[in-house]
Amino acid sequence: MAAKKKILLVSATRWKNYELAQELKEIIDNTTVVDTAVINLESYDLPLYKPGIETKNETASELSAEFENADGFVFCAPEYNGGL
């Protein structure tokens, strides 16, 4: 039997987009056999990205592992005046 697929729902904010991600998780959980997880990017203390500088950051490694372990992604990002 094949392993269950995992969908990672990614929220860019704590507000409406996080609520949307939670609602999507509930819908997916109730209608499919897919595993789901919700993460909120605001809850990660991530450093600013600087090209050419390699650093080891435990938080970034943990977040990277979340993405690597998922089979698919849904990004819930805020819309500002018709754009992202």
PDB file of N, CA and C in Angstrom:
ATOM      1  N   MET A   1       0.847  -1.187   0.000  1.00  0.00           N
ATOM      2  CA  MET A   1       0.000   0.000   0.000  1.00  0.00           C
ATOM      3  C   MET A   1       0.889   1.245   0.000  1.00  0.00           C
ATOM      4  N   ALA A   2       0.545   2.201  -0.816  1.00  0.00           N
ATOM      5  CA  ALA A   2       1.331   3.430  -0.926  1.00  0.00           C
ATOM      6  C   ALA A   2       1.161   4.288   0.324  1.00  0.00           C
ATOM      7  N   ALA A   3       2.214   5.017   0.643  1.00  0.00           N
ATOM      8  CA  ALA A   3       2.165   5.921   1.791  1.00  0.00           C
ATOM      9  C   ALA A   3       1.202   7.068   1.502  1.00  0.00           C
ATOM     10  N   LYS A   4       0.580   7.577   2.566  1.00  0.00           N
ATOM     11  CA  LYS A   4      -0.322   8.711   2.404  1.00  0.00           C
ATOM     12  C   LYS A   4       0.468   9.936   1.965  1.00  0.00           C
ATOM     13  N   LYS A   5      -0.127  10.710   1.101  1.00  0.00           N
ATOM     14  CA  LYS A   5       0.474  11.968   0.673  1.00  0.00           C
ATOM     15  C   LYS A   5       0.280  13.005   1.768  1.00  0.00           C
ATOM     16  N   LYS A   6       1.192  13.960   1.831  1.00  0.00           N
ATOM     17  CA  LYS A   6       1.106  15.022   2.829  1.00  0.00           C
ATOM     18  C   LYS A   6       1.069  16.374   2.128  1.00  0.00           C
ATOM     19  N   ILE A   7       0.075  17.178   2.507  1.00  0.00           N
ATOM     20  CA  ILE A   7      -0.066  18.532   1.987  1.00  0.00           C
ATOM     21  C   ILE A   7       0.281  19.500   3.112  1.00  0.00           C
ATOM     22  N   LEU A   8       1.165  20.437   2.814  1.00  0.00           N
ATOM     23  CA  LEU A   8       1.564  21.459   3.772  1.00  0.00           C
ATOM     24  C   LEU A   8       0.846  22.756   3.413  1.00  0.00           C
ATOM     25  N   LEU A   9       0.028  23.252   4.334  1.00  0.00           N
ATOM     26  CA  LEU A   9      -0.670  24.517   4.144  1.00  0.00           C
ATOM     27  C   LEU A   9       0.159  25.594   4.831  1.00  0.00           C
ATOM     28  N   VAL A  10       0.578  26.588   4.064  1.00  0.00           N
ATOM     29  CA  VAL A  10       1.507  27.602   4.551  1.00  0.00           C
ATOM     30  C   VAL A  10       0.794  28.941   4.635  1.00  0.00           C
ATOM     31  N   SER A  11       0.756  29.501   5.846  1.00  0.00           N
ATOM     32  CA  SER A  11       0.152  30.806   6.059  1.00  0.00           C
ATOM     33  C   SER A  11       1.256  31.842   6.214  1.00  0.00           C
ATOM     34  N   ALA A  12       1.087  32.972   5.548  1.00  0.00           N
ATOM     35  CA  ALA A  12       2.081  34.038   5.631  1.00  0.00           C
ATOM     36  C   ALA A  12       1.804  34.988   6.796  1.00  0.00           C
ATOM     37  N   THR A  13       0.613  34.908   7.365  1.00  0.00           N
ATOM     38  CA  THR A  13       0.263  35.795   8.478  1.00  0.00           C
ATOM     39  C   THR A  13      -0.503  35.018   9.541  1.00  0.00           C
ATOM     40  N   ARG A  14      -0.713  35.666  10.669  1.00  0.00           N
ATOM     41  CA  ARG A  14      -1.477  35.052  11.758  1.00  0.00           C
ATOM     42  C   ARG A  14      -2.971  35.326  11.640  1.00  0.00           C
ATOM     43  N   TRP A  15      -3.378  36.150  10.753  1.00  0.00           N
ATOM     44  CA  TRP A  15      -4.749  36.610  10.756  1.00  0.00           C
ATOM     45  C   TRP A  15      -5.635  35.791   9.835  1.00  0.00           C
ATOM     46  N   LYS A  16      -6.286  36.425   8.889  1.00  0.00           N
ATOM     47  CA  LYS A  16      -7.290  35.739   8.062  1.00  0.00           C
ATOM     48  C   LYS A  16      -6.700  34.601   7.242  1.00  0.00           C
ATOM     49  N   ASN A  17      -5.477  34.747   6.787  1.00  0.00           N
ATOM     50  CA  ASN A  17      -4.880  33.685   5.984  1.00  0.00           C
ATOM     51  C   ASN A  17      -4.607  32.442   6.818  1.00  0.00           C
ATOM     52  N   TYR A  18      -4.284  32.625   8.085  1.00  0.00           N
ATOM     53  CA  TYR A  18      -4.092  31.474   8.965  1.00  0.00           C
ATOM     54  C   TYR A  18      -5.434  30.784   9.205  1.00  0.00           C
ATOM     55  N   GLU A  19      -6.469  31.581   9.411  1.00  0.00           N
ATOM     56  CA  GLU A  19      -7.812  31.015   9.573  1.00  0.00           C
ATOM     57  C   GLU A  19      -8.223  30.259   8.311  1.00  0.00           C
ATOM     58  N   LEU A  20      -7.916  30.825   7.147  1.00  0.00           N
ATOM     59  CA  LEU A  20      -8.217  30.164   5.881  1.00  0.00           C
ATOM     60  C   LEU A  20      -7.476  28.835   5.785  1.00  0.00           C
ATOM     61  N   ALA A  21      -6.204  28.824   6.145  1.00  0.00           N
ATOM     62  CA  ALA A  21      -5.415  27.586   6.104  1.00  0.00           C
ATOM     63  C   ALA A  21      -6.019  26.533   7.030  1.00  0.00           C
ATOM     64  N   GLN A  22      -6.473  26.940   8.208  1.00  0.00           N
ATOM     65  CA  GLN A  22      -7.092  26.006   9.151  1.00  0.00           C
ATOM     66  C   GLN A  22      -8.396  25.444   8.578  1.00  0.00           C
ATOM     67  N   GLU A  23      -9.186  26.307   7.937  1.00  0.00           N
ATOM     68  CA  GLU A  23     -10.437  25.844   7.324  1.00  0.00           C
ATOM     69  C   GLU A  23     -10.159  24.880   6.175  1.00  0.00           C
ATOM     70  N   LEU A  24      -9.158  25.190   5.354  1.00  0.00           N
ATOM     71  CA  LEU A  24      -8.785  24.283   4.267  1.00  0.00           C
ATOM     72  C   LEU A  24      -8.326  22.940   4.808  1.00  0.00           C
ATOM     73  N   LYS A  25      -7.561  22.967   5.882  1.00  0.00           N
ATOM     74  CA  LYS A  25      -7.098  21.721   6.514  1.00  0.00           C
ATOM     75  C   LYS A  25      -8.288  20.871   6.924  1.00  0.00           C
ATOM     76  N   GLU A  26      -9.269  21.492   7.556  1.00  0.00           N
ATOM     77  CA  GLU A  26     -10.456  20.761   8.003  1.00  0.00           C
ATOM     78  C   GLU A  26     -11.207  20.149   6.815  1.00  0.00           C
ATOM     79  N   ILE A  27     -11.349  20.917   5.744  1.00  0.00           N
ATOM     80  CA  ILE A  27     -12.034  20.405   4.549  1.00  0.00           C
ATOM     81  C   ILE A  27     -11.270  19.231   3.954  1.00  0.00           C
ATOM     82  N   ILE A  28      -9.961  19.387   3.805  1.00  0.00           N
ATOM     83  CA  ILE A  28      -9.143  18.312   3.229  1.00  0.00           C
ATOM     84  C   ILE A  28      -9.191  17.073   4.112  1.00  0.00           C
ATOM     85  N   ASP A  29      -9.062  17.271   5.427  1.00  0.00           N
ATOM     86  CA  ASP A  29      -9.086  16.137   6.357  1.00  0.00           C
ATOM     87  C   ASP A  29     -10.413  15.384   6.311  1.00  0.00           C
ATOM     88  N   ASN A  30     -11.512  16.113   6.093  1.00  0.00           N
ATOM     89  CA  ASN A  30     -12.838  15.491   6.096  1.00  0.00           C
ATOM     90  C   ASN A  30     -13.247  14.896   4.753  1.00  0.00           C
ATOM     91  N   THR A  31     -12.511  15.208   3.690  1.00  0.00           N
ATOM     92  CA  THR A  31     -12.939  14.752   2.366  1.00  0.00           C
ATOM     93  C   THR A  31     -11.910  13.899   1.624  1.00  0.00           C
ATOM     94  N   THR A  32     -10.723  13.740   2.172  1.00  0.00           N
ATOM     95  CA  THR A  32      -9.676  12.972   1.487  1.00  0.00           C
ATOM     96  C   THR A  32      -8.932  12.087   2.482  1.00  0.00           C
ATOM     97  N   VAL A  33      -8.029  11.280   1.963  1.00  0.00           N
ATOM     98  CA  VAL A  33      -7.170  10.450   2.813  1.00  0.00           C
ATOM     99  C   VAL A  33      -5.751  11.015   2.842  1.00  0.00           C
ATOM    100  N   VAL A  34      -5.639  12.311   2.623  1.00  0.00           N
ATOM    101  CA  VAL A  34      -4.348  13.002   2.609  1.00  0.00           C
ATOM    102  C   VAL A  34      -4.047  13.540   4.006  1.00  0.00           C
ATOM    103  N   ASP A  35      -2.790  13.420   4.436  1.00  0.00           N
ATOM    104  CA  ASP A  35      -2.366  14.051   5.688  1.00  0.00           C
ATOM    105  C   ASP A  35      -2.122  15.531   5.425  1.00  0.00           C
ATOM    106  N   THR A  36      -2.477  16.370   6.390  1.00  0.00           N
ATOM    107  CA  THR A  36      -2.260  17.805   6.241  1.00  0.00           C
ATOM    108  C   THR A  36      -1.574  18.366   7.472  1.00  0.00           C
ATOM    109  N   ALA A  37      -0.868  19.461   7.259  1.00  0.00           N
ATOM    110  CA  ALA A  37      -0.255  20.209   8.354  1.00  0.00           C
ATOM    111  C   ALA A  37      -0.314  21.683   7.982  1.00  0.00           C
ATOM    112  N   VAL A  38      -0.483  22.532   8.993  1.00  0.00           N
ATOM    113  CA  VAL A  38      -0.517  23.977   8.783  1.00  0.00           C
ATOM    114  C   VAL A  38       0.675  24.589   9.492  1.00  0.00           C
ATOM    115  N   ILE A  39       1.403  25.457   8.780  1.00  0.00           N
ATOM    116  CA  ILE A  39       2.463  26.221   9.428  1.00  0.00           C
ATOM    117  C   ILE A  39       2.213  27.698   9.186  1.00  0.00           C
ATOM    118  N   ASN A  40       2.636  28.510  10.136  1.00  0.00           N
ATOM    119  CA  ASN A  40       2.518  29.958  10.054  1.00  0.00           C
ATOM    120  C   ASN A  40       3.934  30.523   9.984  1.00  0.00           C
ATOM    121  N   LEU A  41       4.283  31.138   8.872  1.00  0.00           N
ATOM    122  CA  LEU A  41       5.643  31.634   8.693  1.00  0.00           C
ATOM    123  C   LEU A  41       6.018  32.701   9.711  1.00  0.00           C
ATOM    124  N   GLU A  42       5.036  33.424  10.242  1.00  0.00           N
ATOM    125  CA  GLU A  42       5.334  34.446  11.251  1.00  0.00           C
ATOM    126  C   GLU A  42       5.855  33.843  12.548  1.00  0.00           C
ATOM    127  N   SER A  43       5.577  32.577  12.790  1.00  0.00           N
ATOM    128  CA  SER A  43       6.010  31.963  14.045  1.00  0.00           C
ATOM    129  C   SER A  43       7.463  31.492  13.997  1.00  0.00           C
ATOM    130  N   TYR A  44       8.094  31.591  12.825  1.00  0.00           N
ATOM    131  CA  TYR A  44       9.493  31.192  12.689  1.00  0.00           C
ATOM    132  C   TYR A  44      10.386  32.429  12.765  1.00  0.00           C
ATOM    133  N   ASP A  45      11.391  32.380  13.613  1.00  0.00           N
ATOM    134  CA  ASP A  45      12.347  33.476  13.746  1.00  0.00           C
ATOM    135  C   ASP A  45      13.451  33.259  12.715  1.00  0.00           C
ATOM    136  N   LEU A  46      13.188  33.718  11.499  1.00  0.00           N
ATOM    137  CA  LEU A  46      14.114  33.480  10.392  1.00  0.00           C
ATOM    138  C   LEU A  46      14.980  34.706  10.128  1.00  0.00           C
ATOM    139  N   PRO A  47      16.245  34.479   9.792  1.00  0.00           N
ATOM    140  CA  PRO A  47      17.119  35.606   9.443  1.00  0.00           C
ATOM    141  C   PRO A  47      16.787  36.110   8.041  1.00  0.00           C
ATOM    142  N   LEU A  48      17.146  37.345   7.760  1.00  0.00           N
ATOM    143  CA  LEU A  48      16.993  37.860   6.406  1.00  0.00           C
ATOM    144  C   LEU A  48      17.949  37.113   5.495  1.00  0.00           C
ATOM    145  N   TYR A  49      17.519  36.874   4.279  1.00  0.00           N
ATOM    146  CA  TYR A  49      18.364  36.167   3.320  1.00  0.00           C
ATOM    147  C   TYR A  49      19.388  37.129   2.739  1.00  0.00           C
ATOM    148  N   LYS A  50      20.634  36.693   2.729  1.00  0.00           N
ATOM    149  CA  LYS A  50      21.713  37.473   2.128  1.00  0.00           C
ATOM    150  C   LYS A  50      22.445  36.575   1.147  1.00  0.00           C
ATOM    151  N   PRO A  51      22.336  36.858  -0.141  1.00  0.00           N
ATOM    152  CA  PRO A  51      22.998  36.013  -1.139  1.00  0.00           C
ATOM    153  C   PRO A  51      24.499  35.916  -0.885  1.00  0.00           C
ATOM    154  N   GLY A  52      25.015  34.727  -1.083  1.00  0.00           N
ATOM    155  CA  GLY A  52      26.456  34.526  -0.945  1.00  0.00           C
ATOM    156  C   GLY A  52      26.929  34.253   0.465  1.00  0.00           C
ATOM    157  N   ILE A  53      26.048  34.359   1.434  1.00  0.00           N
ATOM    158  CA  ILE A  53      26.441  34.106   2.821  1.00  0.00           C
ATOM    159  C   ILE A  53      25.790  32.809   3.271  1.00  0.00           C
ATOM    160  N   GLU A  54      26.611  31.823   3.568  1.00  0.00           N
ATOM    161  CA  GLU A  54      26.111  30.533   4.041  1.00  0.00           C
ATOM    162  C   GLU A  54      26.140  30.518   5.566  1.00  0.00           C
ATOM    163  N   THR A  55      25.015  30.248   6.175  1.00  0.00           N
ATOM    164  CA  THR A  55      24.956  30.135   7.627  1.00  0.00           C
ATOM    165  C   THR A  55      24.128  28.923   7.998  1.00  0.00           C
ATOM    166  N   LYS A  56      24.403  28.389   9.144  1.00  0.00           N
ATOM    167  CA  LYS A  56      23.584  27.313   9.691  1.00  0.00           C
ATOM    168  C   LYS A  56      22.585  27.955  10.642  1.00  0.00           C
ATOM    169  N   ASN A  57      21.320  27.759  10.373  1.00  0.00           N
ATOM    170  CA  ASN A  57      20.272  28.303  11.214  1.00  0.00           C
ATOM    171  C   ASN A  57      19.308  27.172  11.532  1.00  0.00           C
ATOM    172  N   GLU A  58      19.192  26.836  12.804  1.00  0.00           N
ATOM    173  CA  GLU A  58      18.360  25.706  13.217  1.00  0.00           C
ATOM    174  C   GLU A  58      16.896  25.904  12.822  1.00  0.00           C
ATOM    175  N   THR A  59      16.393  27.114  12.986  1.00  0.00           N
ATOM    176  CA  THR A  59      15.002  27.390  12.638  1.00  0.00           C
ATOM    177  C   THR A  59      14.771  27.205  11.143  1.00  0.00           C
ATOM    178  N   ALA A  60      15.688  27.716  10.333  1.00  0.00           N
ATOM    179  CA  ALA A  60      15.566  27.555   8.883  1.00  0.00           C
ATOM    180  C   ALA A  60      15.645  26.084   8.498  1.00  0.00           C
ATOM    181  N   SER A  61      16.486  25.327   9.181  1.00  0.00           N
ATOM    182  CA  SER A  61      16.599  23.892   8.902  1.00  0.00           C
ATOM    183  C   SER A  61      15.306  23.163   9.241  1.00  0.00           C
ATOM    184  N   GLU A  62      14.669  23.534  10.361  1.00  0.00           N
ATOM    185  CA  GLU A  62      13.396  22.923  10.753  1.00  0.00           C
ATOM    186  C   GLU A  62      12.313  23.233   9.719  1.00  0.00           C
ATOM    187  N   LEU A  63      12.263  24.481   9.268  1.00  0.00           N
ATOM    188  CA  LEU A  63      11.271  24.873   8.269  1.00  0.00           C
ATOM    189  C   LEU A  63      11.530  24.147   6.951  1.00  0.00           C
ATOM    190  N   SER A  64      12.786  24.048   6.579  1.00  0.00           N
ATOM    191  CA  SER A  64      13.152  23.336   5.355  1.00  0.00           C
ATOM    192  C   SER A  64      12.701  21.882   5.418  1.00  0.00           C
ATOM    193  N   ALA A  65      12.859  21.255   6.570  1.00  0.00           N
ATOM    194  CA  ALA A  65      12.443  19.857   6.739  1.00  0.00           C
ATOM    195  C   ALA A  65      10.935  19.711   6.554  1.00  0.00           C
ATOM    196  N   GLU A  66      10.162  20.692   7.024  1.00  0.00           N
ATOM    197  CA  GLU A  66       8.704  20.658   6.841  1.00  0.00           C
ATOM    198  C   GLU A  66       8.362  20.599   5.351  1.00  0.00           C
ATOM    199  N   PHE A  67       9.039  21.422   4.562  1.00  0.00           N
ATOM    200  CA  PHE A  67       8.785  21.457   3.118  1.00  0.00           C
ATOM    201  C   PHE A  67       9.274  20.183   2.435  1.00  0.00           C
ATOM    202  N   GLU A  68      10.425  19.691   2.849  1.00  0.00           N
ATOM    203  CA  GLU A  68      10.983  18.484   2.233  1.00  0.00           C
ATOM    204  C   GLU A  68      10.108  17.256   2.485  1.00  0.00           C
ATOM    205  N   ASN A  69       9.410  17.227   3.614  1.00  0.00           N
ATOM    206  CA  ASN A  69       8.585  16.075   3.973  1.00  0.00           C
ATOM    207  C   ASN A  69       7.175  16.140   3.392  1.00  0.00           C
ATOM    208  N   ALA A  70       6.857  17.208   2.680  1.00  0.00           N
ATOM    209  CA  ALA A  70       5.522  17.364   2.095  1.00  0.00           C
ATOM    210  C   ALA A  70       5.538  16.978   0.617  1.00  0.00           C
ATOM    211  N   ASP A  71       4.400  16.473   0.161  1.00  0.00           N
ATOM    212  CA  ASP A  71       4.237  16.120  -1.248  1.00  0.00           C
ATOM    213  C   ASP A  71       3.633  17.263  -2.055  1.00  0.00           C
ATOM    214  N   GLY A  72       2.999  18.201  -1.373  1.00  0.00           N
ATOM    215  CA  GLY A  72       2.380  19.336  -2.048  1.00  0.00           C
ATOM    216  C   GLY A  72       2.209  20.490  -1.080  1.00  0.00           C
ATOM    217  N   PHE A  73       1.963  21.669  -1.631  1.00  0.00           N
ATOM    218  CA  PHE A  73       1.863  22.880  -0.818  1.00  0.00           C
ATOM    219  C   PHE A  73       0.660  23.709  -1.237  1.00  0.00           C
ATOM    220  N   VAL A  74       0.070  24.401  -0.259  1.00  0.00           N
ATOM    221  CA  VAL A  74      -0.933  25.425  -0.512  1.00  0.00           C
ATOM    222  C   VAL A  74      -0.458  26.650   0.249  1.00  0.00           C
ATOM    223  N   PHE A  75      -0.242  27.758  -0.466  1.00  0.00           N
ATOM    224  CA  PHE A  75       0.213  28.992   0.167  1.00  0.00           C
ATOM    225  C   PHE A  75      -0.965  29.932   0.333  1.00  0.00           C
ATOM    226  N   CYS A  76      -1.191  30.396   1.558  1.00  0.00           N
ATOM    227  CA  CYS A  76      -2.240  31.357   1.861  1.00  0.00           C
ATOM    228  C   CYS A  76      -1.549  32.678   2.172  1.00  0.00           C
ATOM    229  N   ALA A  77      -1.544  33.578   1.192  1.00  0.00           N
ATOM    230  CA  ALA A  77      -0.831  34.846   1.326  1.00  0.00           C
ATOM    231  C   ALA A  77      -1.822  36.001   1.269  1.00  0.00           C
ATOM    232  N   PRO A  78      -1.533  37.072   1.999  1.00  0.00           N
ATOM    233  CA  PRO A  78      -2.443  38.213   1.981  1.00  0.00           C
ATOM    234  C   PRO A  78      -2.441  38.899   0.622  1.00  0.00           C
ATOM    235  N   GLU A  79      -3.574  39.485   0.303  1.00  0.00           N
ATOM    236  CA  GLU A  79      -3.701  40.249  -0.935  1.00  0.00           C
ATOM    237  C   GLU A  79      -3.812  41.717  -0.561  1.00  0.00           C
ATOM    238  N   TYR A  80      -3.015  42.536  -1.191  1.00  0.00           N
ATOM    239  CA  TYR A  80      -3.024  43.969  -0.921  1.00  0.00           C
ATOM    240  C   TYR A  80      -3.417  44.714  -2.190  1.00  0.00           C
ATOM    241  N   ASN A  81      -4.585  45.332  -2.181  1.00  0.00           N
ATOM    242  CA  ASN A  81      -5.058  46.126  -3.316  1.00  0.00           C
ATOM    243  C   ASN A  81      -4.958  45.377  -4.634  1.00  0.00           C
ATOM    244  N   GLY A  82      -5.375  44.124  -4.631  1.00  0.00           N
ATOM    245  CA  GLY A  82      -5.404  43.342  -5.858  1.00  0.00           C
ATOM    246  C   GLY A  82      -4.110  42.649  -6.212  1.00  0.00           C
ATOM    247  N   GLY A  83      -3.081  42.760  -5.383  1.00  0.00           N
ATOM    248  CA  GLY A  83      -1.803  42.094  -5.656  1.00  0.00           C
ATOM    249  C   GLY A  83      -1.302  41.377  -4.425  1.00  0.00           C
ATOM    250  N   LEU A  84      -0.321  40.520  -4.627  1.00  0.00           N
ATOM    251  CA  LEU A  84       0.248  39.789  -3.490  1.00  0.00           C
ATOM    252  C   LEU A  84       1.410  40.530  -2.905  1.00  0.00           C
TER     253      LEU A  84
END
